[in-house]
C-alpha atoms as a PDB file:
ATOM      1  CA  MET A   1     -75.822 -12.421  13.561  1.00  0.00           C
ATOM      2  CA  GLY A   2     -72.421 -13.320  15.895  1.00  0.00           C
ATOM      3  CA  GLY A   3     -70.239 -10.449  13.660  1.00  0.00           C
ATOM      4  CA  ARG A   4     -70.048 -13.801  11.018  1.00  0.00           C
ATOM      5  CA  ALA A   5     -70.007 -13.046   7.477  1.00  0.00           C
ATOM      6  CA  ALA A   6     -72.078 -14.836   4.976  1.00  0.00           C
ATOM      7  CA  PRO A   7     -69.794 -17.405   3.136  1.00  0.00           C
ATOM      8  CA  GLY A   8     -68.866 -15.871   0.101  1.00  0.00           C
ATOM      9  CA  ARG A   9     -69.046 -12.685   0.320  1.00  0.00           C
ATOM     10  CA  ALA A  10     -66.643  -9.578   1.466  1.00  0.00           C
ATOM     11  CA  ARG A  11     -66.927  -7.858   5.019  1.00  0.00           C
ATOM     12  CA  THR A  12     -67.465  -3.685   4.226  1.00  0.00           C
ATOM     13  CA  VAL A  13     -66.155  -1.607   7.000  1.00  0.00           C
ATOM     14  CA  PRO A  14     -68.045   1.390   7.362  1.00  0.00           C
ATOM     15  CA  VAL A  15     -66.463   4.547   6.228  1.00  0.00           C
ATOM     16  CA  SER A  16     -67.419   6.173   9.651  1.00  0.00           C
ATOM     17  CA  ALA A  17     -64.979   3.463  11.479  1.00  0.00           C
ATOM     18  CA  VAL A  18     -62.016   4.566   9.768  1.00  0.00           C
ATOM     19  CA  PRO A  19     -59.637   6.425  12.474  1.00  0.00           C
ATOM     20  CA  VAL A  20     -59.995  10.129  10.723  1.00  0.00           C
ATOM     21  CA  ALA A  21     -58.006  11.353  13.003  1.00  0.00           C
ATOM     22  CA  ALA A  22     -55.199   8.757  11.886  1.00  0.00           C
ATOM     23  CA  VAL A  23     -55.050  10.488   8.255  1.00  0.00           C
ATOM     24  CA  PRO A  24     -53.406  13.909   8.916  1.00  0.00           C
ATOM     25  CA  THR A  25     -51.409  11.674  11.666  1.00  0.00           C
ATOM     26  CA  VAL A  26     -50.057   9.315   8.749  1.00  0.00           C
ATOM     27  CA  VAL A  27     -49.883  12.517   6.249  1.00  0.00           C
ATOM     28  CA  ALA A  28     -47.548  14.756   8.673  1.00  0.00           C
ATOM     29  CA  ALA A  29     -44.919  11.521   8.807  1.00  0.00           C
ATOM     30  CA  VAL A  30     -44.787  11.061   5.243  1.00  0.00           C
ATOM     31  CA  LEU A  31     -43.791  14.383   4.806  1.00  0.00           C
ATOM     32  CA  THR A  32     -41.412  14.625   8.003  1.00  0.00           C
ATOM     33  CA  LEU A  33     -39.879  11.817   6.374  1.00  0.00           C
ATOM     34  CA  LEU A  34     -39.534  13.377   2.796  1.00  0.00           C
ATOM     35  CA  ALA A  35     -38.379  16.530   4.687  1.00  0.00           C
ATOM     36  CA  THR A  36     -35.823  14.931   6.234  1.00  0.00           C
ATOM     37  CA  ALA A  37     -34.319  12.977   3.318  1.00  0.00           C
ATOM     38  CA  TRP A  38     -34.545  16.482   1.185  1.00  0.00           C
ATOM     39  CA  LEU A  39     -32.554  18.044   3.888  1.00  0.00           C
ATOM     40  CA  GLY A  40     -30.130  15.794   3.978  1.00  0.00           C
ATOM     41  CA  GLY A  41     -29.486  15.516   0.299  1.00  0.00           C
ATOM     42  CA  CYS A  42     -29.226  19.348   0.434  1.00  0.00           C
ATOM     43  CA  LEU A  43     -26.849  19.289   3.367  1.00  0.00           C
ATOM     44  CA  GLU A  44     -24.841  16.766   1.600  1.00  0.00           C
ATOM     45  CA  ARG A  45     -24.566  18.435  -1.214  1.00  0.00           C
ATOM     46  CA  ARG A  46     -23.576  21.613   0.341  1.00  0.00           C
ATOM     47  CA  MET A  47     -21.302  19.446   2.832  1.00  0.00           C
ATOM     48  CA  ILE A  48     -19.196  17.164   0.943  1.00  0.00           C
ATOM     49  CA  TYR A  49     -19.030  18.286  -2.884  1.00  0.00           C
ATOM     50  CA  TYR A  50     -17.744  21.103  -4.509  1.00  0.00           C
ATOM     51  CA  PRO A  51     -17.472  20.487  -8.840  1.00  0.00           C
ATOM     52  CA  THR A  52     -16.117  23.466 -10.835  1.00  0.00           C
ATOM     53  CA  PRO A  53     -16.077  24.007 -14.842  1.00  0.00           C
ATOM     54  CA  LEU A  54     -13.296  23.656 -16.976  1.00  0.00           C
ATOM     55  CA  SER A  55     -11.227  27.225 -17.394  1.00  0.00           C
ATOM     56  CA  GLY A  56      -9.008  25.939 -20.365  1.00  0.00           C
ATOM     57  CA  ILE A  57      -5.707  25.340 -18.057  1.00  0.00           C
ATOM     58  CA  THR A  58      -3.690  22.603 -19.678  1.00  0.00           C
ATOM     59  CA  PRO A  59      -0.689  20.159 -18.341  1.00  0.00           C
ATOM     60  CA  ALA A  60       0.821  21.885 -21.640  1.00  0.00           C
ATOM     61  CA  GLN A  61       0.993  25.328 -19.640  1.00  0.00           C
ATOM     62  CA  ALA A  62       2.839  23.635 -17.296  1.00  0.00           C
ATOM     63  CA  ARG A  63       5.408  22.093 -20.052  1.00  0.00           C
ATOM     64  CA  LEU A  64       4.158  18.733 -19.392  1.00  0.00           C
ATOM     65  CA  PRO A  65       2.967  16.310 -21.874  1.00  0.00           C
ATOM     66  CA  TYR A  66      -0.339  15.519 -21.838  1.00  0.00           C
ATOM     67  CA  GLU A  67      -3.301  13.473 -23.563  1.00  0.00           C
ATOM     68  CA  GLN A  68      -6.674  14.058 -23.075  1.00  0.00           C
ATOM     69  CA  VAL A  69      -8.479  10.455 -21.482  1.00  0.00           C
ATOM     70  CA  PRO A  70     -12.543   9.864 -21.672  1.00  0.00           C
ATOM     71  CA  LEU A  71     -13.566   7.450 -19.510  1.00  0.00           C
ATOM     72  CA  PRO A  72     -16.942   5.727 -19.548  1.00  0.00           C
ATOM     73  CA  THR A  73     -18.735   4.352 -16.248  1.00  0.00           C
ATOM     74  CA  ALA A  74     -19.940   0.993 -15.928  1.00  0.00           C
ATOM     75  CA  ASP A  75     -23.437   2.833 -15.659  1.00  0.00           C
ATOM     76  CA  GLY A  76     -22.966   5.166 -18.376  1.00  0.00           C
ATOM     77  CA  GLU A  77     -21.818   8.125 -17.442  1.00  0.00           C
ATOM     78  CA  ARG A  78     -17.877  10.027 -19.162  1.00  0.00           C
ATOM     79  CA  LEU A  79     -15.533  11.312 -16.985  1.00  0.00           C
ATOM     80  CA  GLY A  80     -12.759  13.607 -18.394  1.00  0.00           C
ATOM     81  CA  ALA A  81      -9.293  12.767 -16.990  1.00  0.00           C
ATOM     82  CA  TRP A  82      -5.465  13.892 -18.083  1.00  0.00           C
ATOM     83  CA  TRP A  83      -3.185  11.485 -19.138  1.00  0.00           C
ATOM     84  CA  ILE A  84       0.436  13.138 -18.026  1.00  0.00           C
ATOM     85  CA  PRO A  85       2.907  10.249 -18.675  1.00  0.00           C
ATOM     86  CA  ARG A  86       7.015  10.419 -18.661  1.00  0.00           C
ATOM     87  CA  PRO A  87       9.185   9.074 -20.995  1.00  0.00           C
ATOM     88  CA  GLU A  88      10.907   6.581 -19.174  1.00  0.00           C
ATOM     89  CA  ALA A  89       8.934   3.037 -19.977  1.00  0.00           C
ATOM     90  CA  ASP A  90       9.780   1.672 -16.494  1.00  0.00           C
ATOM     91  CA  ALA A  91       8.113   4.901 -14.543  1.00  0.00           C
ATOM     92  CA  PRO A  92       5.692   4.477 -11.967  1.00  0.00           C
ATOM     93  CA  VAL A  93       2.409   4.792 -11.999  1.00  0.00           C
ATOM     94  CA  LEU A  94      -0.392   6.734 -10.099  1.00  0.00           C
ATOM     95  CA  LEU A  95      -3.967   6.678 -10.318  1.00  0.00           C
ATOM     96  CA  PHE A  96      -4.936  10.630  -8.158  1.00  0.00           C
ATOM     97  CA  HIS A  97      -8.072  10.979  -6.429  1.00  0.00           C
ATOM     98  CA  HIS A  98      -8.412  14.449  -6.068  1.00  0.00           C
ATOM     99  CA  GLY A  99     -10.355  16.289  -3.062  1.00  0.00           C
ATOM    100  CA  ASN A 100     -14.330  17.383  -3.189  1.00  0.00           C
ATOM    101  CA  ALA A 101     -13.939  21.227  -4.726  1.00  0.00           C
ATOM    102  CA  GLY A 102     -12.751  22.799  -8.167  1.00  0.00           C
ATOM    103  CA  ASN A 103     -11.391  20.171 -11.009  1.00  0.00           C
ATOM    104  CA  ARG A 104      -8.359  18.543 -12.379  1.00  0.00           C
ATOM    105  CA  GLU A 105      -6.812  22.159 -13.386  1.00  0.00           C
ATOM    106  CA  ASP A 106      -6.807  23.096  -9.663  1.00  0.00           C
ATOM    107  CA  ARG A 107      -3.720  20.415  -8.905  1.00  0.00           C
ATOM    108  CA  LEU A 108      -1.917  21.403 -12.128  1.00  0.00           C
ATOM    109  CA  HIS A 109       0.837  22.557  -9.572  1.00  0.00           C
ATOM    110  CA  ASN A 110       1.208  19.126  -7.968  1.00  0.00           C
ATOM    111  CA  LEU A 111       0.558  17.027 -11.046  1.00  0.00           C
ATOM    112  CA  ALA A 112       3.846  19.045 -12.482  1.00  0.00           C
ATOM    113  CA  GLY A 113       6.131  17.983  -8.944  1.00  0.00           C
ATOM    114  CA  LEU A 114       4.984  15.045 -10.052  1.00  0.00           C
ATOM    115  CA  TRP A 115       5.957  14.652 -13.028  1.00  0.00           C
ATOM    116  CA  HIS A 116       9.697  16.604 -12.530  1.00  0.00           C
ATOM    117  CA  ALA A 117       9.670  13.581  -9.492  1.00  0.00           C
ATOM    118  CA  GLY A 118       9.605  10.667 -12.028  1.00  0.00           C
ATOM    119  CA  PHE A 119       5.926   9.368 -12.020  1.00  0.00           C
ATOM    120  CA  SER A 120       3.749   8.960 -14.882  1.00  0.00           C
ATOM    121  CA  THR A 121       0.353  10.097 -13.619  1.00  0.00           C
ATOM    122  CA  LEU A 122      -3.557   9.802 -14.653  1.00  0.00           C
ATOM    123  CA  ILE A 123      -5.933  12.508 -12.710  1.00  0.00           C
ATOM    124  CA  PHE A 124      -9.581  11.906 -13.289  1.00  0.00           C
ATOM    125  CA  ASP A 125     -12.490  14.298 -12.786  1.00  0.00           C
ATOM    126  CA  TYR A 126     -15.608  12.691 -10.742  1.00  0.00           C
ATOM    127  CA  ARG A 127     -19.075  12.780 -12.273  1.00  0.00           C
ATOM    128  CA  GLY A 128     -20.665  16.575 -11.924  1.00  0.00           C
ATOM    129  CA  TYR A 129     -17.050  18.007 -12.244  1.00  0.00           C
ATOM    130  CA  ALA A 130     -15.317  19.859 -14.894  1.00  0.00           C
ATOM    131  CA  GLU A 131     -17.023  18.087 -18.160  1.00  0.00           C
ATOM    132  CA  SER A 132     -17.674  14.739 -16.319  1.00  0.00           C
ATOM    133  CA  THR A 133     -21.596  13.975 -17.258  1.00  0.00           C
ATOM    134  CA  GLY A 134     -23.594  12.976 -14.390  1.00  0.00           C
ATOM    135  CA  GLU A 135     -23.861  13.876 -10.433  1.00  0.00           C
ATOM    136  CA  PRO A 136     -21.651  13.033  -7.695  1.00  0.00           C
ATOM    137  CA  SER A 137     -22.847  10.655  -4.955  1.00  0.00           C
ATOM    138  CA  GLU A 138     -21.018   8.016  -3.366  1.00  0.00           C
ATOM    139  CA  PRO A 139     -22.244   5.389  -5.036  1.00  0.00           C
ATOM    140  CA  GLY A 140     -21.300   7.855  -8.230  1.00  0.00           C
ATOM    141  CA  LEU A 141     -17.343   8.605  -7.376  1.00  0.00           C
ATOM    142  CA  GLN A 142     -16.901   4.506  -6.329  1.00  0.00           C
ATOM    143  CA  GLN A 143     -17.973   4.096  -9.644  1.00  0.00           C
ATOM    144  CA  ASP A 144     -15.798   6.456 -11.449  1.00  0.00           C
ATOM    145  CA  GLY A 145     -12.802   5.456  -8.856  1.00  0.00           C
ATOM    146  CA  LEU A 146     -13.364   1.731 -10.590  1.00  0.00           C
ATOM    147  CA  ALA A 147     -13.504   3.267 -13.853  1.00  0.00           C
ATOM    148  CA  ALA A 148     -10.428   5.379 -13.889  1.00  0.00           C
ATOM    149  CA  TYR A 149      -8.549   2.282 -12.789  1.00  0.00           C
ATOM    150  CA  ASP A 150      -9.743   0.504 -15.910  1.00  0.00           C
ATOM    151  CA  GLY A 151      -8.709   2.924 -18.369  1.00  0.00           C
ATOM    152  CA  LEU A 152      -5.751   3.312 -16.503  1.00  0.00           C
ATOM    153  CA  ARG A 153      -5.024  -0.239 -16.843  1.00  0.00           C
ATOM    154  CA  ALA A 154      -5.834  -0.649 -20.847  1.00  0.00           C
ATOM    155  CA  LYS A 155      -3.174   1.846 -21.000  1.00  0.00           C
ATOM    156  CA  VAL A 156      -0.154   0.586 -19.011  1.00  0.00           C
ATOM    157  CA  GLY A 157      -0.902  -3.077 -19.097  1.00  0.00           C
ATOM    158  CA  ALA A 158       0.545  -4.558 -16.757  1.00  0.00           C
ATOM    159  CA  ARG A 159       2.601  -2.209 -14.825  1.00  0.00           C
ATOM    160  CA  PRO A 160       1.694  -1.881 -11.536  1.00  0.00           C
ATOM    161  CA  ILE A 161      -0.085   1.256 -10.466  1.00  0.00           C
ATOM    162  CA  LEU A 162      -0.171   2.904  -7.213  1.00  0.00           C
ATOM    163  CA  LEU A 163      -3.176   4.473  -5.781  1.00  0.00           C
ATOM    164  CA  PHE A 164      -3.490   8.074  -5.041  1.00  0.00           C
ATOM    165  CA  GLY A 165      -6.115   9.921  -2.763  1.00  0.00           C
ATOM    166  CA  ARG A 166      -6.144  13.558  -0.662  1.00  0.00           C
ATOM    167  CA  SER A 167      -8.859  14.349   1.240  1.00  0.00           C
ATOM    168  CA  LEU A 168     -12.000  12.628  -0.168  1.00  0.00           C
ATOM    169  CA  GLY A 169      -9.938  11.301  -2.957  1.00  0.00           C
ATOM    170  CA  GLY A 170      -8.502   9.149  -0.306  1.00  0.00           C
ATOM    171  CA  ALA A 171     -11.793   7.593   0.586  1.00  0.00           C
ATOM    172  CA  VAL A 172     -12.396   6.787  -2.939  1.00  0.00           C
ATOM    173  CA  ALA A 173      -8.711   4.903  -3.615  1.00  0.00           C
ATOM    174  CA  ALA A 174      -9.531   3.672  -0.357  1.00  0.00           C
ATOM    175  CA  TYR A 175     -12.921   1.650  -1.944  1.00  0.00           C
ATOM    176  CA  VAL A 176     -11.092   0.839  -5.042  1.00  0.00           C
ATOM    177  CA  ALA A 177      -8.081  -0.222  -3.035  1.00  0.00           C
ATOM    178  CA  THR A 178     -10.617  -3.362  -2.212  1.00  0.00           C
ATOM    179  CA  GLN A 179     -12.223  -4.061  -5.294  1.00  0.00           C
ATOM    180  CA  ARG A 180      -8.754  -3.972  -7.782  1.00  0.00           C
ATOM    181  CA  PRO A 181      -5.111  -4.980  -7.076  1.00  0.00           C
ATOM    182  CA  ALA A 182      -2.373  -1.756  -6.558  1.00  0.00           C
ATOM    183  CA  ALA A 183       0.722  -1.681  -5.144  1.00  0.00           C
ATOM    184  CA  GLY A 184       0.332   0.805  -2.949  1.00  0.00           C
ATOM    185  CA  LEU A 185      -2.316   3.456  -1.536  1.00  0.00           C
ATOM    186  CA  ILE A 186      -1.503   6.541  -0.885  1.00  0.00           C
ATOM    187  CA  LEU A 187      -3.952   9.024   1.902  1.00  0.00           C
ATOM    188  CA  GLU A 188      -3.136  12.627   1.834  1.00  0.00           C
ATOM    189  CA  SER A 189      -5.450  14.990   4.539  1.00  0.00           C
ATOM    190  CA  THR A 190      -7.869  12.107   4.097  1.00  0.00           C
ATOM    191  CA  PHE A 191     -10.992  12.001   6.958  1.00  0.00           C
ATOM    192  CA  THR A 192     -12.311   8.690   8.531  1.00  0.00           C
ATOM    193  CA  SER A 193     -15.884   9.066   7.214  1.00  0.00           C
ATOM    194  CA  VAL A 194     -17.960  11.542   6.849  1.00  0.00           C
ATOM    195  CA  LYS A 195     -20.161  10.980   9.352  1.00  0.00           C
ATOM    196  CA  ALA A 196     -17.011  11.664  11.803  1.00  0.00           C
ATOM    197  CA  MET A 197     -16.548  15.123   9.604  1.00  0.00           C
ATOM    198  CA  ALA A 198     -19.983  15.910  10.157  1.00  0.00           C
ATOM    199  CA  ARG A 199     -20.068  15.802  13.551  1.00  0.00           C
ATOM    200  CA  GLN A 200     -16.849  17.668  13.764  1.00  0.00           C
ATOM    201  CA  VAL A 201     -18.365  20.743  11.890  1.00  0.00           C
ATOM    202  CA  LEU A 202     -21.329  20.587  12.664  1.00  0.00           C
ATOM    203  CA  PRO A 203     -21.489  19.490  16.520  1.00  0.00           C
ATOM    204  CA  ILE A 204     -25.381  18.895  16.416  1.00  0.00           C
ATOM    205  CA  PRO A 205     -26.512  15.981  18.021  1.00  0.00           C
ATOM    206  CA  GLY A 206     -27.871  12.992  14.858  1.00  0.00           C
ATOM    207  CA  ILE A 207     -26.869  15.992  12.593  1.00  0.00           C
ATOM    208  CA  GLU A 208     -24.940  12.829  10.628  1.00  0.00           C
ATOM    209  CA  LEU A 209     -27.765  10.901  10.848  1.00  0.00           C
ATOM    210  CA  LEU A 210     -28.977  12.520   8.014  1.00  0.00           C
ATOM    211  CA  LEU A 211     -26.048  12.077   5.779  1.00  0.00           C
ATOM    212  CA  HIS A 212     -26.708   9.702   3.297  1.00  0.00           C
ATOM    213  CA  ALA A 213     -23.134   9.353   2.418  1.00  0.00           C
ATOM    214  CA  ARG A 214     -20.347   7.344   4.660  1.00  0.00           C
ATOM    215  CA  TYR A 215     -17.587   7.745   2.526  1.00  0.00           C
ATOM    216  CA  ASP A 216     -15.537   5.362   5.895  1.00  0.00           C
ATOM    217  CA  THR A 217     -11.777   4.911   4.657  1.00  0.00           C
ATOM    218  CA  LEU A 218     -11.640   3.480   8.038  1.00  0.00           C
ATOM    219  CA  ALA A 219     -13.397   0.968   7.951  1.00  0.00           C
ATOM    220  CA  ARG A 220     -11.401  -0.362   5.189  1.00  0.00           C
ATOM    221  CA  MET A 221      -8.008   0.222   7.064  1.00  0.00           C
ATOM    222  CA  PRO A 222      -7.930  -3.323   8.887  1.00  0.00           C
ATOM    223  CA  GLY A 223      -8.593  -5.343   5.775  1.00  0.00           C
ATOM    224  CA  LEU A 224      -6.114  -3.690   3.064  1.00  0.00           C
ATOM    225  CA  ARG A 225      -3.926  -5.846   1.846  1.00  0.00           C
ATOM    226  CA  MET A 226      -1.070  -3.433   0.624  1.00  0.00           C
ATOM    227  CA  PRO A 227       1.640  -0.711   1.576  1.00  0.00           C
ATOM    228  CA  LEU A 228       0.309   2.201   2.895  1.00  0.00           C
ATOM    229  CA  LEU A 229       1.688   5.854   3.395  1.00  0.00           C
ATOM    230  CA  VAL A 230      -0.312   7.693   5.219  1.00  0.00           C
ATOM    231  CA  ILE A 231       0.679  11.902   4.949  1.00  0.00           C
ATOM    232  CA  HIS A 232      -0.930  14.531   6.691  1.00  0.00           C
ATOM    233  CA  GLY A 233      -0.609  18.216   8.017  1.00  0.00           C
ATOM    234  CA  THR A 234      -0.254  18.864  11.636  1.00  0.00           C
ATOM    235  CA  ASP A 235      -2.449  22.051  11.399  1.00  0.00           C
ATOM    236  CA  ASP A 236      -4.779  20.614   8.817  1.00  0.00           C
ATOM    237  CA  GLU A 237      -8.067  23.278   9.361  1.00  0.00           C
ATOM    238  CA  MET A 238     -10.730  21.149   8.029  1.00  0.00           C
ATOM    239  CA  ILE A 239      -9.890  17.205   8.173  1.00  0.00           C
ATOM    240  CA  PRO A 240      -8.185  16.980  12.116  1.00  0.00           C
ATOM    241  CA  PHE A 241      -3.879  15.996  11.937  1.00  0.00           C
ATOM    242  CA  ALA A 242      -6.016  12.660  14.613  1.00  0.00           C
ATOM    243  CA  MET A 243      -7.986  11.070  11.601  1.00  0.00           C
ATOM    244  CA  GLY A 244      -5.138  11.240   9.549  1.00  0.00           C
ATOM    245  CA  GLN A 245      -3.355   9.202  12.463  1.00  0.00           C
ATOM    246  CA  ALA A 246      -6.348   7.195  13.277  1.00  0.00           C
ATOM    247  CA  LEU A 247      -6.468   5.798   9.736  1.00  0.00           C
ATOM    248  CA  PHE A 248      -2.648   4.684  10.416  1.00  0.00           C
ATOM    249  CA  GLU A 249      -3.020   3.384  13.609  1.00  0.00           C
ATOM    250  CA  ALA A 250      -6.206   1.116  11.887  1.00  0.00           C
ATOM    251  CA  ALA A 251      -4.149  -0.488   8.901  1.00  0.00           C
ATOM    252  CA  THR A 252      -2.808  -3.695   9.855  1.00  0.00           C
ATOM    253  CA  VAL A 253      -0.688  -4.060   6.813  1.00  0.00           C
ATOM    254  CA  ALA A 254       2.782  -4.614   7.897  1.00  0.00           C
ATOM    255  CA  ASP A 255       4.073  -2.170   5.404  1.00  0.00           C
ATOM    256  CA  LYS A 256       3.102   1.060   6.559  1.00  0.00           C
ATOM    257  CA  THR A 257       4.142   4.917   6.959  1.00  0.00           C
ATOM    258  CA  PHE A 258       3.059   7.812   8.727  1.00  0.00           C
ATOM    259  CA  ARG A 259       4.626  11.096   7.276  1.00  0.00           C
ATOM    260  CA  ALA A 260       3.630  14.438   9.128  1.00  0.00           C
ATOM    261  CA  VAL A 261       4.251  17.762   7.723  1.00  0.00           C
ATOM    262  CA  PRO A 262       4.908  20.385  10.471  1.00  0.00           C
ATOM    263  CA  GLY A 263       3.230  23.124   9.814  1.00  0.00           C
ATOM    264  CA  ALA A 264       0.636  22.197   6.784  1.00  0.00           C
ATOM    265  CA  SER A 265      -2.671  22.877   6.462  1.00  0.00           C
ATOM    266  CA  HIS A 266      -5.363  21.000   4.220  1.00  0.00           C
ATOM    267  CA  ASN A 267      -4.296  21.619   1.299  1.00  0.00           C
ATOM    268  CA  ASP A 268      -0.367  22.736   1.001  1.00  0.00           C
ATOM    269  CA  THR A 269       0.966  19.539   2.546  1.00  0.00           C
ATOM    270  CA  TYR A 270       3.319  19.127  -0.772  1.00  0.00           C
ATOM    271  CA  VAL A 271       4.105  22.960  -0.380  1.00  0.00           C
ATOM    272  CA  ARG A 272       5.299  22.959   2.951  1.00  0.00           C
ATOM    273  CA  ALA A 273       6.814  19.486   3.030  1.00  0.00           C
ATOM    274  CA  GLY A 274       8.490  20.376  -0.245  1.00  0.00           C
ATOM    275  CA  ALA A 275      11.342  18.417  -1.923  1.00  0.00           C
ATOM    276  CA  ASP A 276      10.531  15.895   1.134  1.00  0.00           C
ATOM    277  CA  TYR A 277       7.079  14.901  -0.233  1.00  0.00           C
ATOM    278  CA  TYR A 278       8.222  14.037  -3.700  1.00  0.00           C
ATOM    279  CA  ARG A 279      10.721  12.321  -2.237  1.00  0.00           C
ATOM    280  CA  TRP A 280       8.881  10.178   0.521  1.00  0.00           C
ATOM    281  CA  LEU A 281       6.732   8.940  -2.228  1.00  0.00           C
ATOM    282  CA  ARG A 282       9.819   7.868  -4.129  1.00  0.00           C
ATOM    283  CA  GLU A 283      10.966   5.955  -1.811  1.00  0.00           C
ATOM    284  CA  PHE A 284       7.073   4.317  -0.949  1.00  0.00           C
ATOM    285  CA  ALA A 285       7.153   3.902  -4.895  1.00  0.00           C
ATOM    286  CA  ALA A 286      10.489   2.465  -4.700  1.00  0.00           C
ATOM    287  CA  ARG A 287       9.400  -0.308  -2.294  1.00  0.00           C
ATOM    288  CA  ALA A 288       6.163  -0.620  -2.936  1.00  0.00           C
ATOM    289  CA  LEU A 289       6.667  -1.465  -6.403  1.00  0.00           C
ATOM    290  CA  ALA A 290       9.452  -3.814  -5.917  1.00  0.00           C
ATOM    291  CA  GLY A 291       6.646  -6.400  -3.969  1.00  0.00           C
ATOM    292  CA  ARG A 292       3.290  -7.679  -6.367  1.00  0.00           C
ATOM    293  CA  GLU A 293      -0.043  -5.955  -6.792  1.00  0.00           C
ATOM    294  CA  ARG A 294      -2.891  -7.256  -4.421  1.00  0.00           C
ATOM    295  CA  ARG A 295      -6.198  -5.761  -2.882  1.00  0.00           C
END
């Protein structure tokens, strides 16, 4: 009596005491969370990643020397890459992180320009792109950037490395800059963060909450400890020119340069700027390589 269970005996709860009305509520909440996570994943893949398979184009068709370089990642994936070296032993070395669409073949015209401007370049494809294994994600692409750096370091030894990133690749390169020593960082047509881009592309309240990826390039700028070059087209139709300016302003490093390309859209900065584009890169490389590698 008095509501106390006898010692040593478990107290049982009658089935009728369970609030049946709460069951569908809990189920609905779980289903809502699962649907939200699924929608966020679908939205993320549709907004961020546009990989394509290789078509068979190689640097040889642009009369460039090259080597196929398989790159193993720390989590077991295997990336495809090209090493396009200059004959000069002291040529500046560039690690090229490309954007979110296509694959390394689509950058061949730019790669030829870099080679003729005096750069030795390693360009790689993220997981899920071209022949690279795996599925793209922010942690995955960060691992890919580190694997590419480590593979390039094994190839060039102690020679300084310049990190180059275009668009999404800028976010990956900025991450690598916090994890590995480099002579300098080049950001071209790069966004401040994926969540800021989501608000820009789909101005729906709370849309950024559905995305798992952050790619917060802006947050990495104050801690940058190496020379920085930012290049952005004034007519970029995908990533606002103001985002490039924001990245530049947020960097506290003393050696930083901003280059606006008048009339350039998202993908034609190097075409619009022409010879000036490669001159900017050479000047930046000469200045950055005169110092030491930092991270």
